[in-house]
Protein backbone atom coordinates (compact mmCIF):
# COMPACT_ATOMS: atom_id res chain seq x y z
CA MET A 1 -1.67 -21.19 -2.87
CA ALA A 2 -2.98 -17.93 -3.74
CA LYS A 3 -6.62 -17.38 -4.70
CA LYS A 4 -7.92 -14.69 -6.95
CA ARG A 5 -11.30 -13.07 -6.64
CA LYS A 6 -12.56 -10.17 -8.97
CA GLU A 7 -14.36 -7.57 -6.98
CA GLY A 8 -17.62 -6.08 -8.51
CA GLY A 9 -20.57 -4.05 -7.28
CA ALA A 10 -21.07 -4.12 -3.45
CA PRO A 11 -18.32 -5.61 -1.35
CA GLY A 12 -19.10 -9.13 0.12
CA ALA A 13 -18.29 -10.55 3.46
CA GLY A 14 -14.58 -10.37 2.76
CA GLY A 15 -14.58 -6.72 2.26
CA THR A 16 -12.17 -4.34 3.80
CA PRO A 17 -12.13 -0.60 4.16
CA ALA A 18 -9.76 -0.53 1.15
CA THR A 19 -11.90 -2.60 -1.16
CA VAL A 20 -15.05 -0.73 -0.03
CA ALA A 21 -13.14 2.54 -1.04
CA LEU A 22 -12.25 1.09 -4.45
CA THR A 23 -15.88 -0.20 -4.99
CA THR A 24 -17.37 3.14 -3.87
CA ALA A 25 -14.94 4.94 -6.27
CA GLY A 26 -15.97 2.77 -9.18
CA ILE A 27 -12.37 1.69 -9.69
CA GLY A 28 -11.81 -1.78 -11.18
CA PHE A 29 -9.66 -4.03 -9.13
CA SER A 30 -8.91 -7.63 -8.29
CA THR A 31 -8.30 -9.20 -4.87
CA HIS A 32 -5.67 -11.86 -4.31
CA ALA A 33 -5.65 -13.96 -1.13
CA TYR A 34 -2.89 -16.14 0.16
CA GLU A 35 -2.08 -18.08 3.36
CA HIS A 36 -0.11 -15.63 5.52
CA ASP A 37 2.72 -17.13 7.59
CA PRO A 38 3.18 -15.37 10.86
CA ALA A 39 6.84 -16.33 10.88
CA SER A 40 7.52 -14.49 7.62
CA ALA A 41 10.29 -11.83 7.94
CA SER A 42 8.81 -9.61 5.26
CA TYR A 43 5.02 -9.19 4.60
CA GLY A 44 5.63 -7.81 1.23
CA GLU A 45 8.14 -10.37 -0.06
CA GLU A 46 5.92 -12.99 1.25
CA ALA A 47 2.96 -11.67 -0.88
CA ALA A 48 5.08 -11.44 -3.93
CA GLU A 49 6.25 -14.99 -3.55
CA ALA A 50 2.80 -16.35 -2.66
CA LEU A 51 1.19 -14.61 -5.62
CA GLY A 52 4.00 -15.46 -8.10
CA VAL A 53 4.40 -11.79 -8.97
CA GLY A 54 7.70 -9.84 -9.39
CA ALA A 55 8.64 -7.79 -6.31
CA GLU A 56 8.89 -4.76 -8.31
CA ARG A 57 4.98 -4.84 -8.80
CA VAL A 58 4.12 -5.53 -5.15
CA PHE A 59 4.21 -2.29 -3.04
CA LYS A 60 4.44 -1.93 0.51
CA THR A 61 2.63 0.70 2.51
CA LEU A 62 4.84 2.41 5.06
CA VAL A 63 4.03 5.27 7.55
CA ALA A 64 6.62 7.89 8.35
CA GLU A 65 6.60 11.17 10.13
CA VAL A 66 7.62 14.15 7.96
CA ASP A 67 8.38 17.27 10.16
CA GLY A 68 6.15 15.63 12.89
CA ALA A 69 3.23 14.83 10.48
CA LEU A 70 2.36 11.26 9.54
CA THR A 71 2.80 10.66 5.86
CA VAL A 72 2.09 7.43 3.79
CA ALA A 73 4.81 6.14 1.32
CA VAL A 74 4.06 3.29 -1.01
CA VAL A 75 7.18 1.65 -2.43
CA PRO A 76 7.98 -1.53 -4.15
CA VAL A 77 8.83 -4.32 -1.74
CA ALA A 78 11.98 -5.01 -3.76
CA GLY A 79 13.48 -1.73 -2.50
CA SER A 80 13.45 0.45 0.51
CA LEU A 81 12.06 3.97 1.37
CA ASP A 82 14.37 6.77 0.94
CA LEU A 83 13.48 8.92 3.93
CA LYS A 84 15.11 12.11 2.47
CA ALA A 85 13.43 11.82 -0.93
CA LEU A 86 9.94 11.30 0.91
CA ALA A 87 10.52 14.53 2.90
CA SER A 88 11.41 16.44 -0.24
CA ALA A 89 8.42 15.11 -2.06
CA VAL A 90 5.93 16.56 0.52
CA GLY A 91 8.02 19.86 1.02
CA GLY A 92 9.40 18.71 4.26
CA LYS A 93 12.88 18.77 5.72
CA ARG A 94 13.16 15.66 7.88
CA ALA A 95 11.62 12.17 7.87
CA ALA A 96 11.72 9.27 10.19
CA MET A 97 9.75 5.93 10.28
CA ALA A 98 6.49 6.49 12.47
CA ASP A 99 5.90 4.57 15.71
CA PRO A 100 4.07 1.50 14.58
CA ALA A 101 1.31 1.99 17.24
CA ALA A 102 0.67 5.40 15.91
CA ALA A 103 0.55 4.15 12.37
CA GLU A 104 -1.94 1.38 13.27
CA ARG A 105 -4.19 3.86 15.36
CA THR A 106 -4.33 6.49 12.67
CA THR A 107 -4.88 4.15 9.52
CA GLY A 108 -7.09 1.62 11.27
CA TYR A 109 -5.00 -1.18 9.90
CA VAL A 110 -2.57 -3.64 11.60
CA ARG A 111 1.15 -3.58 10.68
CA GLY A 112 1.64 -5.84 7.69
CA GLY A 113 -1.88 -5.11 6.59
CA ILE A 114 -1.76 -1.39 6.15
CA SER A 115 -3.33 -0.31 2.99
CA PRO A 116 -2.78 3.07 1.27
CA LEU A 117 -6.61 2.89 0.60
CA GLY A 118 -9.56 3.29 3.01
CA GLN A 119 -7.55 4.55 5.82
CA ARG A 120 -9.44 5.78 9.03
CA LYS A 121 -7.65 9.18 8.65
CA ARG A 122 -6.61 10.31 5.12
CA LEU A 123 -2.89 11.06 5.31
CA PRO A 124 -0.65 12.68 2.77
CA THR A 125 0.47 10.00 0.42
CA VAL A 126 3.48 9.58 -1.86
CA VAL A 127 3.56 6.86 -4.37
CA ASP A 128 6.97 5.76 -5.87
CA ALA A 129 7.17 6.75 -9.47
CA SER A 130 7.84 3.15 -10.52
CA ALA A 131 4.22 2.21 -9.70
CA LEU A 132 3.44 3.89 -13.06
CA GLU A 133 5.78 1.72 -15.01
CA HIS A 134 3.56 -1.25 -14.74
CA PRO A 135 -0.02 -1.95 -16.18
CA THR A 136 -1.11 -2.91 -12.74
CA VAL A 137 0.38 -3.01 -9.14
CA PHE A 138 -0.34 -4.83 -5.87
CA VAL A 139 -0.84 -3.15 -2.46
CA SER A 140 -2.35 -4.52 0.72
CA ALA A 141 -6.05 -4.68 0.74
CA GLY A 142 -6.12 -4.06 4.45
CA ARG A 143 -5.20 -7.23 6.06
CA ARG A 144 -2.31 -9.75 6.26
CA GLY A 145 -2.76 -12.35 3.43
CA LEU A 146 -4.85 -10.11 1.09
CA GLU A 147 -3.63 -7.98 -1.79
CA VAL A 148 -5.50 -5.68 -4.22
CA GLU A 149 -4.32 -5.30 -7.87
CA LEU A 150 -5.16 -2.15 -9.64
CA PRO A 151 -3.67 0.32 -12.18
CA GLY A 152 -1.00 2.56 -10.48
CA ALA A 153 -2.70 5.60 -11.79
CA ASP A 154 -5.95 4.55 -10.22
CA LEU A 155 -3.89 4.07 -6.90
CA VAL A 156 -2.63 7.69 -7.28
CA ALA A 157 -5.96 9.07 -8.05
CA LEU A 158 -7.84 7.54 -5.09
CA THR A 159 -5.21 8.46 -2.56
CA GLY A 160 -4.65 11.88 -3.88
CA ALA A 161 -0.85 10.95 -3.83
CA VAL A 162 2.15 12.89 -5.03
CA VAL A 163 4.21 10.78 -7.37
CA ALA A 164 7.94 10.84 -6.87
CA PRO A 165 11.10 8.47 -6.82
CA VAL A 166 11.09 7.63 -3.03
CA SER A 167 12.43 4.24 -3.34
CA ARG A 168 15.96 3.05 -3.60
CA GLY A 169 17.58 -0.35 -4.11
């Protein structure tokens, strides 16, 4: 069963670097916790199902390499990342998924809990254009089993993201 908790003011004991970044920036958001199943095949689909939210509103955070530089892509769990579109969105030529260990080391988060917010090292970020089609979207709050809900425009502003159609499916 999913639990909803509204964040306000200073982060509590359950704070993550992502929620701290949101609170520090003064951006309104809600956190949504659910029981993570380690056997789940897809972290994003698990979150959508557990929270009872359409998969088009739950976004996964993927780390890719564009021309050798780590780059974050935020795309709906209902689709997949179009690597060619990602490269184009940041002015690159070639993109490939990053090594998971490099993604974890650089962001400070574990796979399945990588948030586009509050990363250890701020990486260039591209948010799929569909994020702006919804009043709010869900992204990882920085650990498996915890999502943050916020307006897509606030996600874009806080990450300094480029908005482009980088999802397919």
